[in-house]
Amino acid sequence: MNKPSILILCTGNSCRSHMAEGILRAAAGDIIEVHSAGSNPAGYVHPQAIATMAEIGIDISAHTSKHMNDFLERKINTVITVCGKADQACPMFPGQVHRYHWGFDDPAHATGTEEEIRNTFRRVRDEIQLVFNAYAAGLRQVRH
């Protein structure tokens, strides 16, 4: 049986979408396929996102920044956008069955000391984890 496919979209595909992808894959990767992409990909995964995820035992170091157009030929059941600011251009993805928008601050724009920046990444990661673990629990509930 093919697993439903979920695409998590953001503008840069360097932080939030990768953290959400890693968390959702860890929580429900046995019942869904999870991908992430961006409308204007940064071309890298932010090192602090990788480090922050490693703190909770999720390895996203092999993730790559991808453009949403890479997924146009794939069957995507659900698109979730995670852009936090209203002025960011979060794209519509054609043909999906479900669409959700859960906005989170972009930790890539955090300023301050190294520790303050790290804490911003942790806060956003924890917010993403709360929302996506609840979403995964809901997916499991529907399946049973």
Protein backbone atom coordinates (compact mmCIF):
# COMPACT_ATOMS: atom_id res chain seq x y z
CA MET A 1 0.00 0.00 0.00
CA ASN A 2 1.30 3.44 -0.91
CA LYS A 3 1.64 5.78 2.02
CA PRO A 4 0.03 9.22 1.70
CA SER A 5 2.58 11.91 0.87
CA ILE A 6 2.91 15.15 2.82
CA LEU A 7 4.90 18.14 1.58
CA ILE A 8 5.96 20.78 4.10
CA LEU A 9 6.58 24.12 2.40
CA CYS A 10 8.38 27.23 3.46
CA THR A 11 10.06 30.04 1.62
CA GLY A 12 13.74 29.16 2.12
CA ASN A 13 13.60 25.45 2.99
CA SER A 14 16.56 25.87 5.35
CA CYS A 15 15.09 25.69 8.89
CA ARG A 16 11.40 25.37 9.76
CA SER A 17 10.34 23.02 6.99
CA HIS A 18 13.31 20.71 7.67
CA MET A 19 12.65 20.66 11.40
CA ALA A 20 8.97 19.89 10.73
CA GLU A 21 9.92 17.19 8.20
CA GLY A 22 12.27 15.52 10.68
CA ILE A 23 9.77 15.67 13.53
CA LEU A 24 6.84 14.41 11.44
CA ARG A 25 8.93 11.61 9.92
CA ALA A 26 10.03 10.53 13.41
CA ALA A 27 6.43 10.64 14.69
CA ALA A 28 4.61 9.06 11.72
CA GLY A 29 7.11 7.99 9.06
CA ASP A 30 5.75 4.47 9.24
CA ILE A 31 2.33 5.59 7.95
CA ILE A 32 3.16 8.61 5.73
CA GLU A 33 5.87 9.88 3.39
CA VAL A 34 7.21 13.28 4.42
CA HIS A 35 9.07 15.79 2.26
CA SER A 36 9.96 19.47 2.51
CA ALA A 37 10.67 22.15 -0.07
CA GLY A 38 10.73 25.89 -0.57
CA SER A 39 9.40 28.46 -3.00
CA ASN A 40 12.81 30.16 -2.96
CA PRO A 41 15.19 27.56 -1.46
CA ALA A 42 18.27 28.80 0.35
CA GLY A 43 20.37 25.97 -1.08
CA TYR A 44 21.43 24.62 2.31
CA VAL A 45 20.04 23.36 5.60
CA HIS A 46 20.91 25.78 8.39
CA PRO A 47 23.65 24.29 10.64
CA GLN A 48 21.82 25.50 13.77
CA ALA A 49 18.65 23.68 12.65
CA ILE A 50 20.70 20.48 12.29
CA ALA A 51 22.30 20.98 15.74
CA THR A 52 19.00 21.83 17.42
CA MET A 53 17.30 18.76 16.00
CA ALA A 54 20.22 16.55 17.08
CA GLU A 55 19.52 17.69 20.66
CA ILE A 56 16.19 15.82 20.50
CA GLY A 57 17.64 12.79 18.73
CA ILE A 58 16.51 13.59 15.18
CA ASP A 59 19.18 13.65 12.48
CA ILE A 60 18.43 16.00 9.57
CA SER A 61 22.09 16.37 8.52
CA ALA A 62 21.45 14.51 5.24
CA HIS A 63 18.51 16.76 4.28
CA THR A 64 18.95 19.01 1.25
CA SER A 65 17.24 22.25 0.33
CA LYS A 66 14.77 21.57 -2.50
CA HIS A 67 12.50 23.65 -4.72
CA MET A 68 8.76 23.00 -4.56
CA ASN A 69 8.74 22.48 -8.34
CA ASP A 70 10.68 19.25 -7.74
CA PHE A 71 7.41 17.83 -6.40
CA LEU A 72 5.00 18.97 -9.14
CA GLU A 73 5.02 15.54 -10.80
CA ARG A 74 4.47 13.64 -7.55
CA LYS A 75 1.16 12.78 -5.93
CA ILE A 76 1.03 14.99 -2.86
CA ASN A 77 -1.95 14.37 -0.57
CA THR A 78 -1.32 17.16 1.92
CA VAL A 79 0.59 20.42 1.80
CA ILE A 80 1.51 22.16 5.05
CA THR A 81 3.01 25.64 4.98
CA VAL A 82 5.05 26.78 7.97
CA CYS A 83 5.91 30.40 7.09
CA GLY A 84 5.34 32.54 10.16
CA LYS A 85 5.18 36.11 8.87
CA ALA A 86 2.28 37.37 6.78
CA ASP A 87 4.62 39.17 4.39
CA GLN A 88 6.43 35.99 3.41
CA ALA A 89 5.31 34.42 0.17
CA CYS A 90 4.12 30.93 1.02
CA PRO A 91 3.11 29.21 -2.19
CA MET A 92 -0.04 27.37 -3.12
CA PHE A 93 0.70 23.87 -4.37
CA PRO A 94 -1.55 22.64 -7.17
CA GLY A 95 -3.53 19.46 -6.85
CA GLN A 96 -3.20 18.63 -3.18
CA VAL A 97 -6.12 17.10 -1.31
CA HIS A 98 -5.53 18.90 2.00
CA ARG A 99 -3.81 22.16 2.84
CA TYR A 100 -2.85 23.47 6.27
CA HIS A 101 -0.97 26.56 7.35
CA TRP A 102 0.79 26.56 10.71
CA GLY A 103 3.04 29.59 10.92
CA PHE A 104 6.23 29.67 12.96
CA ASP A 105 8.82 32.40 13.42
CA ASP A 106 11.86 32.02 11.16
CA PRO A 107 14.83 31.26 13.43
CA ALA A 108 17.22 32.00 10.55
CA HIS A 109 16.48 35.69 11.21
CA ALA A 110 17.27 35.46 14.93
CA THR A 111 19.70 38.04 16.26
CA GLY A 112 21.68 38.38 19.46
CA THR A 113 24.37 36.32 21.10
CA GLU A 114 25.13 32.78 20.01
CA GLU A 115 23.14 31.51 22.98
CA GLU A 116 20.16 33.76 22.20
CA ILE A 117 20.12 32.54 18.60
CA ARG A 118 20.40 28.92 19.75
CA ASN A 119 17.50 29.50 22.14
CA THR A 120 15.37 30.93 19.32
CA PHE A 121 16.03 27.78 17.28
CA ARG A 122 15.09 25.65 20.29
CA ARG A 123 11.87 27.59 20.90
CA VAL A 124 10.78 27.28 17.27
CA ARG A 125 11.76 23.59 17.22
CA ASP A 126 9.70 22.95 20.36
CA GLU A 127 6.69 24.79 18.89
CA ILE A 128 6.98 22.79 15.67
CA GLN A 129 7.35 19.56 17.65
CA LEU A 130 4.20 20.28 19.66
CA VAL A 131 2.08 20.95 16.56
CA PHE A 132 3.46 18.17 14.36
CA ASN A 133 3.38 15.51 17.09
CA ALA A 134 -0.29 16.39 17.65
CA TYR A 135 -0.89 16.18 13.89
CA ALA A 136 0.83 12.76 13.77
CA ALA A 137 -1.29 11.55 16.69
CA GLY A 138 -4.39 12.67 14.80
CA LEU A 139 -3.26 10.77 11.70
CA ARG A 140 -2.81 7.63 13.78
CA GLN A 141 -6.25 8.09 15.35
CA VAL A 142 -7.88 8.30 11.91
CA ARG A 143 -6.14 5.10 10.79
CA HIS A 144 -7.53 3.07 13.71
